[in-house]
Amino acid sequence: MMNTIWIILAVISILLLIKYFKTKNAVWGGFSIGAIIGLIVAVIVFLIGNGFKWSLIGKIAVVGTLIGFGSELLTKISYHLKRRNSK
């Protein structure tokens, strides 16, 4: 069950990355930071002795992408509300 959730989130993340491919935005920034943090955490887990976990990098990158998308949504909502209130 838990793997199914991560597969669904990964597909959503990939679709978001494709949709926001052409411009610099928070979605790609979240993915990049998530991948970097995931790599750091995976190396720490490896050094502790639990083995190197590639899935950990992917999961943290997916979470970073979704957080970046949330940031993009908040920016668009803020812009829309500001424009609506100025009329």
C-alpha atoms as a PDB file:
ATOM      1  CA  MET A   1       0.000   0.000   0.000  1.00  0.00           C
ATOM      2  CA  MET A   2       2.754   2.423   0.950  1.00  0.00           C
ATOM      3  CA  ASN A   3       4.613   1.859  -2.337  1.00  0.00           C
ATOM      4  CA  THR A   4       1.421   2.550  -4.290  1.00  0.00           C
ATOM      5  CA  ILE A   5       1.123   5.964  -2.665  1.00  0.00           C
ATOM      6  CA  TRP A   6       4.713   6.814  -3.558  1.00  0.00           C
ATOM      7  CA  ILE A   7       4.182   5.668  -7.152  1.00  0.00           C
ATOM      8  CA  ILE A   8       1.118   7.919  -7.452  1.00  0.00           C
ATOM      9  CA  LEU A   9       3.003  10.872  -5.941  1.00  0.00           C
ATOM     10  CA  ALA A  10       5.965  10.238  -8.242  1.00  0.00           C
ATOM     11  CA  VAL A  11       3.703  10.233 -11.320  1.00  0.00           C
ATOM     12  CA  ILE A  12       2.088  13.492 -10.168  1.00  0.00           C
ATOM     13  CA  SER A  13       5.548  14.959  -9.582  1.00  0.00           C
ATOM     14  CA  ILE A  14       6.743  13.942 -13.053  1.00  0.00           C
ATOM     15  CA  LEU A  15       3.631  15.450 -14.644  1.00  0.00           C
ATOM     16  CA  LEU A  16       4.229  18.709 -12.755  1.00  0.00           C
ATOM     17  CA  LEU A  17       7.870  18.780 -13.859  1.00  0.00           C
ATOM     18  CA  ILE A  18       6.765  18.307 -17.470  1.00  0.00           C
ATOM     19  CA  LYS A  19       4.109  21.034 -17.183  1.00  0.00           C
ATOM     20  CA  TYR A  20       6.554  23.555 -15.696  1.00  0.00           C
ATOM     21  CA  PHE A  21       9.480  22.578 -17.920  1.00  0.00           C
ATOM     22  CA  LYS A  22       9.988  25.776 -19.938  1.00  0.00           C
ATOM     23  CA  THR A  23      10.374  28.378 -17.171  1.00  0.00           C
ATOM     24  CA  LYS A  24      12.310  28.857 -13.966  1.00  0.00           C
ATOM     25  CA  ASN A  25       9.926  28.240 -11.109  1.00  0.00           C
ATOM     26  CA  ALA A  26       9.464  26.828  -7.635  1.00  0.00           C
ATOM     27  CA  VAL A  27       8.538  23.361  -8.926  1.00  0.00           C
ATOM     28  CA  TRP A  28      11.971  22.765 -10.432  1.00  0.00           C
ATOM     29  CA  GLY A  29      13.643  24.521  -7.501  1.00  0.00           C
ATOM     30  CA  GLY A  30      11.839  22.236  -5.069  1.00  0.00           C
ATOM     31  CA  PHE A  31      12.868  19.194  -7.087  1.00  0.00           C
ATOM     32  CA  SER A  32      16.519  20.304  -7.166  1.00  0.00           C
ATOM     33  CA  ILE A  33      16.700  21.056  -3.465  1.00  0.00           C
ATOM     34  CA  GLY A  34      14.833  17.839  -2.675  1.00  0.00           C
ATOM     35  CA  ALA A  35      17.291  15.798  -4.739  1.00  0.00           C
ATOM     36  CA  ILE A  36      20.275  17.440  -3.022  1.00  0.00           C
ATOM     37  CA  ILE A  37      18.823  16.958   0.464  1.00  0.00           C
ATOM     38  CA  GLY A  38      17.867  13.382  -0.448  1.00  0.00           C
ATOM     39  CA  LEU A  39      21.429  12.650  -1.521  1.00  0.00           C
ATOM     40  CA  ILE A  40      22.798  14.066   1.723  1.00  0.00           C
ATOM     41  CA  VAL A  41      20.344  12.026   3.815  1.00  0.00           C
ATOM     42  CA  ALA A  42      21.097   8.860   1.798  1.00  0.00           C
ATOM     43  CA  VAL A  43      24.835   9.316   2.369  1.00  0.00           C
ATOM     44  CA  ILE A  44      24.259   9.803   6.109  1.00  0.00           C
ATOM     45  CA  VAL A  45      22.106   6.644   6.218  1.00  0.00           C
ATOM     46  CA  PHE A  46      24.864   4.819   4.314  1.00  0.00           C
ATOM     47  CA  LEU A  47      27.526   5.990   6.773  1.00  0.00           C
ATOM     48  CA  ILE A  48      25.410   4.845   9.721  1.00  0.00           C
ATOM     49  CA  GLY A  49      25.488   1.377   8.189  1.00  0.00           C
ATOM     50  CA  ASN A  50      22.011   0.811   6.818  1.00  0.00           C
ATOM     51  CA  GLY A  51      23.047   0.735   3.162  1.00  0.00           C
ATOM     52  CA  PHE A  52      22.630   3.317   0.415  1.00  0.00           C
ATOM     53  CA  LYS A  53      18.953   3.876  -0.347  1.00  0.00           C
ATOM     54  CA  TRP A  54      18.196   5.283  -3.791  1.00  0.00           C
ATOM     55  CA  SER A  55      14.499   5.339  -2.982  1.00  0.00           C
ATOM     56  CA  LEU A  56      15.156   7.877  -0.242  1.00  0.00           C
ATOM     57  CA  ILE A  57      16.561  10.341  -2.779  1.00  0.00           C
ATOM     58  CA  GLY A  58      13.514   9.889  -5.005  1.00  0.00           C
ATOM     59  CA  LYS A  59      11.022  10.253  -2.179  1.00  0.00           C
ATOM     60  CA  ILE A  60      12.587  13.459  -0.891  1.00  0.00           C
ATOM     61  CA  ALA A  61      12.781  14.847  -4.450  1.00  0.00           C
ATOM     62  CA  VAL A  62       9.063  14.079  -4.919  1.00  0.00           C
ATOM     63  CA  VAL A  63       8.220  15.872  -1.680  1.00  0.00           C
ATOM     64  CA  GLY A  64      10.347  18.851  -2.755  1.00  0.00           C
ATOM     65  CA  THR A  65       8.547  19.001  -6.105  1.00  0.00           C
ATOM     66  CA  LEU A  66       5.144  18.959  -4.438  1.00  0.00           C
ATOM     67  CA  ILE A  67       6.198  21.692  -1.988  1.00  0.00           C
ATOM     68  CA  GLY A  68       7.432  23.763  -4.945  1.00  0.00           C
ATOM     69  CA  PHE A  69       4.080  23.297  -6.657  1.00  0.00           C
ATOM     70  CA  GLY A  70       2.330  24.450  -3.490  1.00  0.00           C
ATOM     71  CA  SER A  71       4.482  27.552  -3.550  1.00  0.00           C
ATOM     72  CA  GLU A  72       3.573  28.186  -7.197  1.00  0.00           C
ATOM     73  CA  LEU A  73      -0.123  27.831  -6.347  1.00  0.00           C
ATOM     74  CA  LEU A  74       0.152  30.266  -3.443  1.00  0.00           C
ATOM     75  CA  THR A  75       1.886  32.782  -5.701  1.00  0.00           C
ATOM     76  CA  LYS A  76      -0.847  32.512  -8.342  1.00  0.00           C
ATOM     77  CA  ILE A  77      -3.625  32.787  -5.746  1.00  0.00           C
ATOM     78  CA  SER A  78      -1.950  35.820  -4.172  1.00  0.00           C
ATOM     79  CA  TYR A  79      -1.563  37.501  -7.559  1.00  0.00           C
ATOM     80  CA  HIS A  80      -5.196  36.769  -8.418  1.00  0.00           C
ATOM     81  CA  LEU A  81      -6.488  38.131  -5.086  1.00  0.00           C
ATOM     82  CA  LYS A  82      -4.315  41.232  -5.329  1.00  0.00           C
ATOM     83  CA  ARG A  83      -5.541  41.915  -8.865  1.00  0.00           C
ATOM     84  CA  ARG A  84      -9.150  41.350  -7.866  1.00  0.00           C
ATOM     85  CA  ASN A  85      -8.918  43.689  -4.855  1.00  0.00           C
ATOM     86  CA  SER A  86      -7.285  46.497  -6.836  1.00  0.00           C
ATOM     87  CA  LYS A  87     -10.293  46.868  -9.142  1.00  0.00           C
END
